[in-house]
N, C-alpha and C. Protein backbone atom coordinates (compact mmCIF):
# COMPACT_ATOMS: atom_id res chain seq x y z
N MET A 1 -66.01 27.17 -156.34
CA MET A 1 -65.36 27.82 -155.23
C MET A 1 -63.93 27.31 -155.04
N GLN A 2 -63.70 26.04 -155.38
CA GLN A 2 -62.37 25.48 -155.22
C GLN A 2 -61.37 26.17 -156.13
N TYR A 3 -61.84 26.63 -157.31
CA TYR A 3 -60.95 27.33 -158.23
C TYR A 3 -60.53 28.69 -157.65
N LEU A 4 -61.45 29.33 -156.96
CA LEU A 4 -61.15 30.63 -156.38
C LEU A 4 -60.08 30.53 -155.30
N SER A 5 -60.09 29.45 -154.56
CA SER A 5 -59.08 29.28 -153.50
C SER A 5 -57.69 29.01 -154.08
N LYS A 6 -57.62 28.57 -155.35
CA LYS A 6 -56.34 28.31 -155.98
C LYS A 6 -55.69 29.57 -156.55
N ILE A 7 -56.42 30.67 -156.52
CA ILE A 7 -55.89 31.95 -157.02
C ILE A 7 -55.35 32.71 -155.82
N ASN A 8 -54.09 33.16 -155.92
CA ASN A 8 -53.52 33.86 -154.78
C ASN A 8 -53.98 35.31 -154.74
N TRP A 9 -53.58 36.01 -153.69
CA TRP A 9 -54.08 37.36 -153.45
C TRP A 9 -53.67 38.33 -154.54
N SER A 10 -52.55 38.12 -155.20
CA SER A 10 -52.11 39.08 -156.23
C SER A 10 -53.06 39.08 -157.43
N GLY A 11 -53.52 37.91 -157.86
CA GLY A 11 -54.46 37.83 -158.96
C GLY A 11 -55.79 38.49 -158.62
N LYS A 12 -56.28 38.21 -157.41
CA LYS A 12 -57.54 38.81 -156.96
C LYS A 12 -57.39 40.32 -156.81
N PHE A 13 -56.25 40.76 -156.28
CA PHE A 13 -56.00 42.19 -156.08
C PHE A 13 -55.97 42.93 -157.42
N ILE A 14 -55.29 42.38 -158.41
CA ILE A 14 -55.22 43.01 -159.74
C ILE A 14 -56.60 43.10 -160.36
N PHE A 15 -57.38 42.02 -160.24
CA PHE A 15 -58.73 42.03 -160.78
C PHE A 15 -59.57 43.13 -160.12
N ILE A 16 -59.54 43.20 -158.80
CA ILE A 16 -60.36 44.18 -158.07
C ILE A 16 -59.92 45.60 -158.39
N ILE A 17 -58.62 45.87 -158.42
CA ILE A 17 -58.12 47.22 -158.72
C ILE A 17 -58.53 47.64 -160.13
N LEU A 18 -58.40 46.74 -161.08
CA LEU A 18 -58.77 47.09 -162.46
C LEU A 18 -60.28 47.25 -162.61
N ALA A 19 -61.06 46.45 -161.88
CA ALA A 19 -62.52 46.61 -161.90
C ALA A 19 -62.91 47.95 -161.29
N LEU A 20 -62.24 48.33 -160.21
CA LEU A 20 -62.51 49.63 -159.60
C LEU A 20 -62.10 50.78 -160.52
N SER A 21 -61.06 50.56 -161.34
CA SER A 21 -60.67 51.60 -162.30
C SER A 21 -61.76 51.82 -163.34
N LEU A 22 -62.49 50.76 -163.67
CA LEU A 22 -63.61 50.90 -164.59
C LEU A 22 -64.71 51.74 -163.95
N LEU A 23 -65.00 51.49 -162.68
CA LEU A 23 -66.02 52.28 -161.98
C LEU A 23 -65.57 53.73 -161.81
N LEU A 24 -64.28 53.94 -161.62
CA LEU A 24 -63.76 55.31 -161.57
C LEU A 24 -63.93 55.99 -162.93
N GLY A 25 -63.67 55.25 -163.99
CA GLY A 25 -63.89 55.78 -165.33
C GLY A 25 -65.34 56.16 -165.56
N PHE A 26 -66.26 55.37 -165.01
CA PHE A 26 -67.69 55.72 -165.11
C PHE A 26 -67.96 57.02 -164.37
N TYR A 27 -67.44 57.11 -163.16
CA TYR A 27 -67.65 58.32 -162.35
C TYR A 27 -67.09 59.56 -163.04
N LEU A 28 -65.95 59.42 -163.69
CA LEU A 28 -65.32 60.55 -164.38
C LEU A 28 -65.87 60.78 -165.79
N GLN A 29 -66.84 59.97 -166.19
CA GLN A 29 -67.45 60.07 -167.52
C GLN A 29 -66.40 59.93 -168.61
N GLU A 30 -65.53 58.95 -168.45
CA GLU A 30 -64.42 58.72 -169.35
C GLU A 30 -64.91 58.60 -170.80
N ASP A 31 -64.39 59.49 -171.65
CA ASP A 31 -64.81 59.50 -173.05
C ASP A 31 -63.70 60.01 -173.97
N VAL A 32 -62.56 60.34 -173.43
CA VAL A 32 -61.50 60.99 -174.20
C VAL A 32 -60.91 60.07 -175.26
N SER A 33 -60.55 58.86 -174.88
CA SER A 33 -59.83 57.99 -175.82
C SER A 33 -60.76 57.24 -176.77
N THR A 34 -62.05 57.44 -176.64
CA THR A 34 -62.98 56.61 -177.41
C THR A 34 -63.47 57.27 -178.68
N GLY A 35 -63.26 58.53 -178.83
CA GLY A 35 -63.70 59.20 -180.05
C GLY A 35 -65.18 59.50 -180.08
N GLY A 36 -65.80 59.63 -178.91
CA GLY A 36 -67.19 60.06 -178.88
C GLY A 36 -68.20 59.00 -178.50
N ALA A 37 -67.87 58.14 -177.56
CA ALA A 37 -68.82 57.11 -177.14
C ALA A 37 -70.04 57.74 -176.48
N ALA A 38 -69.84 58.85 -175.76
CA ALA A 38 -70.98 59.53 -175.13
C ALA A 38 -71.92 60.07 -176.20
N HIS A 39 -71.36 60.61 -177.27
CA HIS A 39 -72.18 61.11 -178.38
C HIS A 39 -73.02 59.99 -178.98
N ASP A 40 -72.41 58.85 -179.21
CA ASP A 40 -73.15 57.71 -179.76
C ASP A 40 -74.25 57.24 -178.81
N PHE A 41 -73.92 57.23 -177.52
CA PHE A 41 -74.91 56.79 -176.54
C PHE A 41 -76.13 57.71 -176.56
N TYR A 42 -75.91 59.00 -176.44
CA TYR A 42 -77.03 59.94 -176.34
C TYR A 42 -77.78 60.11 -177.66
N ASN A 43 -77.10 60.05 -178.77
CA ASN A 43 -77.75 60.31 -180.06
C ASN A 43 -78.33 59.08 -180.73
N PHE A 44 -77.89 57.90 -180.35
CA PHE A 44 -78.41 56.70 -181.00
C PHE A 44 -78.99 55.71 -180.00
N ILE A 45 -78.16 55.19 -179.12
CA ILE A 45 -78.58 54.11 -178.23
C ILE A 45 -79.69 54.57 -177.29
N TRP A 46 -79.49 55.69 -176.61
CA TRP A 46 -80.48 56.12 -175.62
C TRP A 46 -81.77 56.60 -176.29
N LYS A 47 -81.65 57.26 -177.42
CA LYS A 47 -82.86 57.70 -178.14
C LYS A 47 -83.70 56.50 -178.56
N PHE A 48 -83.05 55.47 -179.07
CA PHE A 48 -83.79 54.28 -179.49
C PHE A 48 -84.37 53.55 -178.29
N THR A 49 -83.64 53.51 -177.17
CA THR A 49 -84.14 52.89 -175.95
C THR A 49 -85.42 53.58 -175.50
N LEU A 50 -85.43 54.90 -175.50
CA LEU A 50 -86.62 55.65 -175.10
C LEU A 50 -87.75 55.47 -176.11
N ALA A 51 -87.41 55.38 -177.39
CA ALA A 51 -88.44 55.16 -178.42
C ALA A 51 -89.10 53.79 -178.23
N LEU A 52 -88.33 52.80 -177.81
CA LEU A 52 -88.90 51.48 -177.55
C LEU A 52 -89.89 51.53 -176.40
N GLN A 53 -89.61 52.34 -175.41
CA GLN A 53 -90.52 52.44 -174.28
C GLN A 53 -91.82 53.14 -174.68
N GLU A 54 -91.73 54.06 -175.61
CA GLU A 54 -92.93 54.77 -176.06
C GLU A 54 -93.83 53.86 -176.89
N ASP A 55 -93.24 53.17 -177.86
CA ASP A 55 -94.03 52.33 -178.76
C ASP A 55 -93.16 51.15 -179.18
N PHE A 56 -93.25 50.09 -178.41
CA PHE A 56 -92.36 48.94 -178.58
C PHE A 56 -92.44 48.33 -179.98
N PHE A 57 -93.63 48.19 -180.52
CA PHE A 57 -93.80 47.46 -181.78
C PHE A 57 -93.48 48.28 -183.01
N ASN A 58 -93.62 49.59 -182.95
CA ASN A 58 -93.37 50.41 -184.12
C ASN A 58 -92.05 51.16 -184.08
N ALA A 59 -91.39 51.18 -182.94
CA ALA A 59 -90.15 51.95 -182.82
C ALA A 59 -89.08 51.44 -183.77
N TYR A 60 -88.95 50.14 -183.90
CA TYR A 60 -87.90 49.59 -184.76
C TYR A 60 -88.17 49.88 -186.23
N ASN A 61 -89.41 49.84 -186.63
CA ASN A 61 -89.75 50.13 -188.02
C ASN A 61 -89.46 51.57 -188.41
N ASN A 62 -89.55 52.47 -187.47
CA ASN A 62 -89.38 53.89 -187.76
C ASN A 62 -87.98 54.40 -187.43
N TRP A 63 -87.08 53.52 -187.06
CA TRP A 63 -85.75 53.96 -186.63
C TRP A 63 -84.78 53.90 -187.79
N GLU A 64 -83.92 54.91 -187.87
CA GLU A 64 -82.99 55.00 -189.00
C GLU A 64 -81.72 54.19 -188.81
N GLU A 65 -81.44 53.71 -187.61
CA GLU A 65 -80.23 52.92 -187.36
C GLU A 65 -80.48 51.47 -187.73
N ALA A 66 -79.43 50.77 -188.11
CA ALA A 66 -79.56 49.39 -188.60
C ALA A 66 -79.27 48.35 -187.53
N HIS A 67 -79.15 48.73 -186.27
CA HIS A 67 -78.83 47.77 -185.22
C HIS A 67 -80.06 46.97 -184.82
N LEU A 68 -79.81 45.74 -184.42
CA LEU A 68 -80.89 44.90 -183.91
C LEU A 68 -81.28 45.38 -182.51
N PRO A 69 -82.52 45.17 -182.10
CA PRO A 69 -83.02 45.85 -180.90
C PRO A 69 -82.77 45.18 -179.55
N LEU A 70 -82.17 44.00 -179.47
CA LEU A 70 -82.06 43.32 -178.18
C LEU A 70 -81.35 44.17 -177.13
N HIS A 71 -80.27 44.80 -177.49
CA HIS A 71 -79.53 45.64 -176.54
C HIS A 71 -80.43 46.75 -175.98
N SER A 72 -81.16 47.41 -176.86
CA SER A 72 -82.04 48.49 -176.40
C SER A 72 -83.21 47.96 -175.59
N ILE A 73 -83.65 46.76 -175.88
CA ILE A 73 -84.70 46.14 -175.07
C ILE A 73 -84.18 45.91 -173.64
N ILE A 74 -82.95 45.46 -173.53
CA ILE A 74 -82.34 45.26 -172.21
C ILE A 74 -82.23 46.59 -171.48
N LEU A 75 -81.75 47.62 -172.16
CA LEU A 75 -81.64 48.93 -171.52
C LEU A 75 -83.02 49.47 -171.16
N SER A 76 -84.02 49.21 -171.98
CA SER A 76 -85.39 49.65 -171.68
C SER A 76 -85.90 48.99 -170.41
N ALA A 77 -85.56 47.71 -170.23
CA ALA A 77 -85.97 47.02 -169.01
C ALA A 77 -85.32 47.66 -167.79
N PHE A 78 -84.02 47.99 -167.89
CA PHE A 78 -83.36 48.69 -166.79
C PHE A 78 -84.01 50.04 -166.54
N ASN A 79 -84.31 50.76 -167.61
CA ASN A 79 -84.90 52.09 -167.48
C ASN A 79 -86.31 52.01 -166.89
N PHE A 80 -87.01 50.92 -167.12
CA PHE A 80 -88.34 50.73 -166.54
C PHE A 80 -88.24 50.75 -165.02
N PHE A 81 -87.18 50.13 -164.47
CA PHE A 81 -87.01 50.07 -163.02
C PHE A 81 -86.40 51.35 -162.44
N PHE A 82 -85.43 51.93 -163.14
CA PHE A 82 -84.69 53.07 -162.58
C PHE A 82 -85.21 54.42 -163.05
N ASN A 83 -85.68 54.48 -164.27
CA ASN A 83 -86.16 55.72 -164.89
C ASN A 83 -85.12 56.84 -164.79
N ASP A 84 -83.87 56.47 -164.96
CA ASP A 84 -82.78 57.44 -164.92
C ASP A 84 -81.62 56.89 -165.75
N GLU A 85 -81.18 57.67 -166.70
CA GLU A 85 -80.12 57.24 -167.62
C GLU A 85 -78.82 56.91 -166.89
N VAL A 86 -78.47 57.64 -165.85
CA VAL A 86 -77.22 57.39 -165.13
C VAL A 86 -77.28 56.04 -164.40
N TYR A 87 -78.40 55.74 -163.77
CA TYR A 87 -78.54 54.46 -163.08
C TYR A 87 -78.53 53.29 -164.07
N VAL A 88 -79.14 53.50 -165.22
CA VAL A 88 -79.14 52.47 -166.25
C VAL A 88 -77.71 52.20 -166.70
N ARG A 89 -76.95 53.25 -166.98
CA ARG A 89 -75.56 53.08 -167.41
C ARG A 89 -74.71 52.46 -166.31
N PHE A 90 -74.93 52.87 -165.05
CA PHE A 90 -74.15 52.32 -163.95
C PHE A 90 -74.44 50.83 -163.77
N THR A 91 -75.70 50.44 -163.86
CA THR A 91 -76.05 49.02 -163.78
C THR A 91 -75.39 48.25 -164.90
N TYR A 92 -75.42 48.81 -166.09
CA TYR A 92 -74.80 48.17 -167.24
C TYR A 92 -73.29 48.06 -167.04
N CYS A 93 -72.68 49.09 -166.47
CA CYS A 93 -71.23 49.07 -166.20
C CYS A 93 -70.90 47.96 -165.20
N LEU A 94 -71.72 47.82 -164.16
CA LEU A 94 -71.51 46.74 -163.19
C LEU A 94 -71.65 45.37 -163.84
N ILE A 95 -72.65 45.22 -164.69
CA ILE A 95 -72.86 43.95 -165.37
C ILE A 95 -71.69 43.64 -166.31
N SER A 96 -71.08 44.67 -166.87
CA SER A 96 -69.95 44.48 -167.78
C SER A 96 -68.75 43.85 -167.11
N ILE A 97 -68.68 43.95 -165.80
CA ILE A 97 -67.57 43.34 -165.06
C ILE A 97 -67.60 41.82 -165.22
N ILE A 98 -68.75 41.29 -165.60
CA ILE A 98 -68.84 39.84 -165.81
C ILE A 98 -68.02 39.39 -167.02
N ALA A 99 -67.76 40.28 -167.98
CA ALA A 99 -67.03 39.88 -169.20
C ALA A 99 -65.62 39.36 -168.88
N PRO A 100 -64.80 40.06 -168.08
CA PRO A 100 -63.49 39.47 -167.75
C PRO A 100 -63.61 38.17 -166.95
N ILE A 101 -64.66 38.05 -166.14
CA ILE A 101 -64.88 36.81 -165.39
C ILE A 101 -65.20 35.67 -166.37
N LEU A 102 -66.06 35.96 -167.33
CA LEU A 102 -66.39 34.96 -168.34
C LEU A 102 -65.18 34.60 -169.19
N PHE A 103 -64.37 35.60 -169.51
CA PHE A 103 -63.15 35.35 -170.27
C PHE A 103 -62.23 34.43 -169.47
N TYR A 104 -62.11 34.69 -168.18
CA TYR A 104 -61.31 33.83 -167.30
C TYR A 104 -61.86 32.40 -167.30
N LEU A 105 -63.18 32.26 -167.19
CA LEU A 105 -63.79 30.92 -167.18
C LEU A 105 -63.53 30.19 -168.50
N ASN A 106 -63.58 30.93 -169.60
CA ASN A 106 -63.26 30.33 -170.90
C ASN A 106 -61.81 29.87 -170.94
N LEU A 107 -60.92 30.71 -170.45
CA LEU A 107 -59.50 30.34 -170.41
C LEU A 107 -59.27 29.13 -169.52
N ARG A 108 -59.97 29.09 -168.41
CA ARG A 108 -59.83 27.96 -167.48
C ARG A 108 -60.30 26.66 -168.13
N GLU A 109 -61.38 26.74 -168.88
CA GLU A 109 -61.87 25.53 -169.58
C GLU A 109 -60.89 25.08 -170.65
N LYS A 110 -60.35 26.04 -171.39
CA LYS A 110 -59.48 25.70 -172.52
C LYS A 110 -58.07 25.32 -172.08
N PHE A 111 -57.54 26.01 -171.08
CA PHE A 111 -56.16 25.82 -170.65
C PHE A 111 -56.12 25.40 -169.18
N SER A 112 -56.63 24.24 -168.88
CA SER A 112 -56.73 23.79 -167.50
C SER A 112 -55.38 23.48 -166.87
N ASP A 113 -54.34 23.34 -167.68
CA ASP A 113 -53.02 23.02 -167.15
C ASP A 113 -52.20 24.26 -166.80
N ILE A 114 -52.70 25.44 -167.09
CA ILE A 114 -51.97 26.69 -166.80
C ILE A 114 -52.41 27.23 -165.45
N ASN A 115 -51.50 27.87 -164.77
CA ASN A 115 -51.75 28.47 -163.46
C ASN A 115 -52.99 29.37 -163.51
N LEU A 116 -53.96 29.11 -162.62
CA LEU A 116 -55.21 29.88 -162.60
C LEU A 116 -54.97 31.35 -162.27
N ASN A 117 -53.97 31.62 -161.47
CA ASN A 117 -53.63 32.99 -161.13
C ASN A 117 -53.23 33.78 -162.38
N LEU A 118 -52.41 33.16 -163.21
CA LEU A 118 -51.99 33.80 -164.46
C LEU A 118 -53.17 34.01 -165.41
N LEU A 119 -54.08 33.05 -165.45
CA LEU A 119 -55.26 33.19 -166.31
C LEU A 119 -56.15 34.34 -165.86
N LEU A 120 -56.31 34.50 -164.54
CA LEU A 120 -57.12 35.62 -164.02
C LEU A 120 -56.46 36.96 -164.33
N ILE A 121 -55.16 37.04 -164.15
CA ILE A 121 -54.45 38.28 -164.45
C ILE A 121 -54.56 38.60 -165.94
N PHE A 122 -54.41 37.59 -166.79
CA PHE A 122 -54.54 37.80 -168.23
C PHE A 122 -55.95 38.27 -168.58
N ALA A 123 -56.97 37.65 -167.99
CA ALA A 123 -58.36 38.05 -168.25
C ALA A 123 -58.63 39.46 -167.75
N SER A 124 -57.95 39.86 -166.68
CA SER A 124 -58.14 41.20 -166.11
C SER A 124 -57.63 42.30 -167.03
N ILE A 125 -56.80 41.95 -167.98
CA ILE A 125 -56.28 42.94 -168.93
C ILE A 125 -57.42 43.59 -169.72
N LEU A 126 -58.54 42.90 -169.85
CA LEU A 126 -59.69 43.49 -170.54
C LEU A 126 -60.06 44.85 -169.96
N PHE A 127 -59.92 45.00 -168.65
CA PHE A 127 -60.31 46.24 -167.98
C PHE A 127 -59.54 47.47 -168.49
N ILE A 128 -58.35 47.28 -169.04
CA ILE A 128 -57.57 48.44 -169.48
C ILE A 128 -57.70 48.71 -170.98
N LEU A 129 -58.40 47.85 -171.70
CA LEU A 129 -58.58 48.07 -173.13
C LEU A 129 -59.59 49.20 -173.36
N PRO A 130 -59.23 50.17 -174.18
CA PRO A 130 -60.16 51.30 -174.40
C PRO A 130 -61.52 50.87 -174.93
N SER A 131 -61.57 49.89 -175.81
CA SER A 131 -62.87 49.47 -176.34
C SER A 131 -63.73 48.83 -175.26
N PHE A 132 -63.12 48.07 -174.36
CA PHE A 132 -63.88 47.49 -173.25
C PHE A 132 -64.41 48.59 -172.35
N ARG A 133 -63.57 49.58 -172.06
CA ARG A 133 -63.96 50.64 -171.14
C ARG A 133 -65.12 51.47 -171.70
N TYR A 134 -65.03 51.89 -172.95
CA TYR A 134 -66.12 52.74 -173.45
C TYR A 134 -67.40 51.95 -173.68
N THR A 135 -67.28 50.68 -174.07
CA THR A 135 -68.51 49.91 -174.25
C THR A 135 -69.19 49.62 -172.91
N SER A 136 -68.41 49.53 -171.85
CA SER A 136 -68.98 49.31 -170.52
C SER A 136 -69.54 50.60 -169.93
N ILE A 137 -68.77 51.66 -170.00
CA ILE A 137 -69.16 52.93 -169.39
C ILE A 137 -70.35 53.56 -170.10
N TRP A 138 -70.39 53.44 -171.42
CA TRP A 138 -71.45 54.10 -172.20
C TRP A 138 -72.48 53.11 -172.73
N ALA A 139 -72.64 51.98 -172.09
CA ALA A 139 -73.69 51.00 -172.40
C ALA A 139 -73.81 50.74 -173.90
N ASN A 140 -72.68 50.40 -174.50
CA ASN A 140 -72.64 50.19 -175.94
C ASN A 140 -73.13 48.79 -176.32
N ILE A 141 -73.65 48.68 -177.51
CA ILE A 141 -74.19 47.43 -178.03
C ILE A 141 -73.14 46.32 -178.01
N GLN A 142 -71.91 46.66 -178.30
CA GLN A 142 -70.85 45.66 -178.41
C GLN A 142 -70.67 44.86 -177.12
N MET A 143 -70.80 45.51 -175.96
CA MET A 143 -70.58 44.80 -174.70
C MET A 143 -71.64 43.74 -174.47
N SER A 144 -72.87 44.02 -174.81
CA SER A 144 -73.92 42.99 -174.68
C SER A 144 -73.58 41.80 -175.55
N ALA A 145 -73.19 42.06 -176.78
CA ALA A 145 -72.84 40.98 -177.70
C ALA A 145 -71.63 40.18 -177.19
N VAL A 146 -70.64 40.87 -176.65
CA VAL A 146 -69.45 40.19 -176.12
C VAL A 146 -69.82 39.28 -174.95
N ILE A 147 -70.67 39.76 -174.06
CA ILE A 147 -71.08 38.94 -172.91
C ILE A 147 -71.82 37.69 -173.39
N PHE A 148 -72.76 37.86 -174.30
CA PHE A 148 -73.47 36.70 -174.83
C PHE A 148 -72.52 35.75 -175.56
N PHE A 149 -71.57 36.31 -176.31
CA PHE A 149 -70.60 35.47 -177.02
C PHE A 149 -69.71 34.69 -176.05
N LEU A 150 -69.27 35.33 -174.98
CA LEU A 150 -68.43 34.64 -174.00
C LEU A 150 -69.20 33.53 -173.29
N PHE A 151 -70.47 33.77 -172.99
CA PHE A 151 -71.30 32.69 -172.44
C PHE A 151 -71.37 31.54 -173.43
N SER A 152 -71.61 31.86 -174.69
CA SER A 152 -71.73 30.84 -175.74
C SER A 152 -70.45 30.02 -175.86
N SER A 153 -69.31 30.70 -175.90
CA SER A 153 -68.04 29.96 -176.04
C SER A 153 -67.74 29.13 -174.80
N PHE A 154 -68.15 29.61 -173.62
CA PHE A 154 -67.95 28.84 -172.40
C PHE A 154 -68.71 27.51 -172.47
N PHE A 155 -69.98 27.58 -172.86
CA PHE A 155 -70.76 26.35 -172.95
C PHE A 155 -70.27 25.45 -174.09
N PHE A 156 -69.77 26.06 -175.16
CA PHE A 156 -69.19 25.26 -176.23
C PHE A 156 -67.95 24.52 -175.75
N LEU A 157 -67.10 25.20 -175.00
CA LEU A 157 -65.88 24.56 -174.49
C LEU A 157 -66.22 23.43 -173.50
N LYS A 158 -67.26 23.63 -172.71
CA LYS A 158 -67.69 22.57 -171.79
C LYS A 158 -68.20 21.36 -172.58
N TRP A 159 -68.96 21.63 -173.64
CA TRP A 159 -69.47 20.55 -174.48
C TRP A 159 -68.33 19.83 -175.19
N LEU A 160 -67.36 20.61 -175.69
CA LEU A 160 -66.21 20.05 -176.40
C LEU A 160 -65.36 19.20 -175.46
N LYS A 161 -65.24 19.64 -174.22
CA LYS A 161 -64.42 18.91 -173.24
C LYS A 161 -64.99 17.51 -172.96
N LYS A 162 -66.33 17.41 -173.02
CA LYS A 162 -66.95 16.10 -172.82
C LYS A 162 -66.72 15.17 -174.00
N ASN A 163 -66.33 15.74 -175.14
CA ASN A 163 -66.08 14.98 -176.36
C ASN A 163 -67.30 14.14 -176.72
N SER A 164 -68.44 14.80 -176.65
CA SER A 164 -69.70 14.12 -176.90
C SER A 164 -70.31 14.57 -178.22
N GLN A 165 -70.92 13.65 -178.90
CA GLN A 165 -71.64 13.97 -180.14
C GLN A 165 -73.12 14.18 -179.86
N LYS A 166 -73.53 14.06 -178.61
CA LYS A 166 -74.93 14.15 -178.23
C LYS A 166 -75.32 15.60 -177.96
N ILE A 167 -76.60 15.83 -178.15
CA ILE A 167 -77.14 17.14 -177.79
C ILE A 167 -77.40 17.13 -176.29
N ASP A 168 -76.76 18.05 -175.58
CA ASP A 168 -76.97 18.16 -174.14
C ASP A 168 -77.20 19.62 -173.78
N LYS A 169 -77.32 19.90 -172.49
CA LYS A 169 -77.64 21.27 -172.06
C LYS A 169 -76.54 22.26 -172.47
N ASN A 170 -75.27 21.84 -172.47
CA ASN A 170 -74.20 22.75 -172.85
C ASN A 170 -74.31 23.17 -174.31
N LEU A 171 -74.66 22.25 -175.18
CA LEU A 171 -74.82 22.57 -176.59
C LEU A 171 -76.02 23.48 -176.81
N ILE A 172 -77.10 23.20 -176.12
CA ILE A 172 -78.31 24.04 -176.24
C ILE A 172 -78.04 25.44 -175.72
N LEU A 173 -77.36 25.54 -174.57
CA LEU A 173 -77.03 26.87 -174.03
C LEU A 173 -76.06 27.61 -174.94
N GLN A 174 -75.14 26.89 -175.55
CA GLN A 174 -74.20 27.53 -176.48
C GLN A 174 -74.96 28.13 -177.66
N ILE A 175 -75.89 27.40 -178.20
CA ILE A 175 -76.67 27.90 -179.34
C ILE A 175 -77.55 29.07 -178.90
N LEU A 176 -78.17 28.97 -177.72
CA LEU A 176 -79.01 30.05 -177.22
C LEU A 176 -78.23 31.35 -177.06
N PHE A 177 -77.08 31.28 -176.40
CA PHE A 177 -76.30 32.50 -176.17
C PHE A 177 -75.69 33.05 -177.46
N MET A 178 -75.33 32.18 -178.39
CA MET A 178 -74.84 32.67 -179.68
C MET A 178 -75.98 33.38 -180.43
N THR A 179 -77.17 32.85 -180.33
CA THR A 179 -78.33 33.49 -180.95
C THR A 179 -78.55 34.88 -180.35
N LEU A 180 -78.44 34.98 -179.03
CA LEU A 180 -78.58 36.28 -178.38
C LEU A 180 -77.48 37.25 -178.81
N ALA A 181 -76.26 36.74 -178.96
CA ALA A 181 -75.16 37.60 -179.44
C ALA A 181 -75.44 38.11 -180.84
N VAL A 182 -75.93 37.23 -181.70
CA VAL A 182 -76.24 37.64 -183.08
C VAL A 182 -77.41 38.62 -183.09
N TYR A 183 -78.40 38.39 -182.24
CA TYR A 183 -79.56 39.28 -182.21
C TYR A 183 -79.23 40.61 -181.56
N THR A 184 -78.09 40.67 -180.86
CA THR A 184 -77.62 41.94 -180.30
C THR A 184 -76.80 42.70 -181.34
N ARG A 185 -75.92 41.99 -181.99
CA ARG A 185 -75.06 42.59 -183.02
C ARG A 185 -74.88 41.57 -184.13
N ALA A 186 -75.35 41.89 -185.30
CA ALA A 186 -75.39 40.95 -186.42
C ALA A 186 -74.01 40.46 -186.86
N ASP A 187 -72.94 41.17 -186.52
CA ASP A 187 -71.59 40.75 -186.89
C ASP A 187 -71.25 39.36 -186.38
N TYR A 188 -71.87 38.95 -185.28
CA TYR A 188 -71.57 37.66 -184.67
C TYR A 188 -72.16 36.49 -185.45
N ALA A 189 -72.93 36.77 -186.48
CA ALA A 189 -73.46 35.70 -187.32
C ALA A 189 -72.32 34.98 -188.05
N LEU A 190 -71.25 35.70 -188.33
CA LEU A 190 -70.10 35.08 -189.00
C LEU A 190 -69.46 34.06 -188.10
């Protein structure tokens, strides 16, 4: 909480306005600059999510897409509660707002000597990136992997800051979240 008080109103205002622009993009079904994120969602992600709900153990074996199922398992859990694709996507869009916050926390850990207000404004730039917007609005696999990766790097930076060679909770959490990122999108194995 002490870090939040060190950020002036302009940094908080920019973050909130850009976060609201993401929610406006959701409301407007923003898909123009993405080259068909809605098509990918309805034809691949959502179909697989529904297939998982029908037959969890055999859906992956019978699916033609090569993506790992963690993202669709998460969406299936949301769909279990809401039973509506729009509510699932909206919940996912709200959760995606955590990515710029996590990016800010990573920057704060790495660059503790830089003005926190500037770090928050820099992290808020994620909200205007087209890839961030379509992955958030259309519940894309990439956003889940990015969130897990940012958690992983945050715990890694905390572990690195301690300059410890010991296994502690930060190292374990870093490995756990990196594993989740890889199980969401195999590209993160590199």
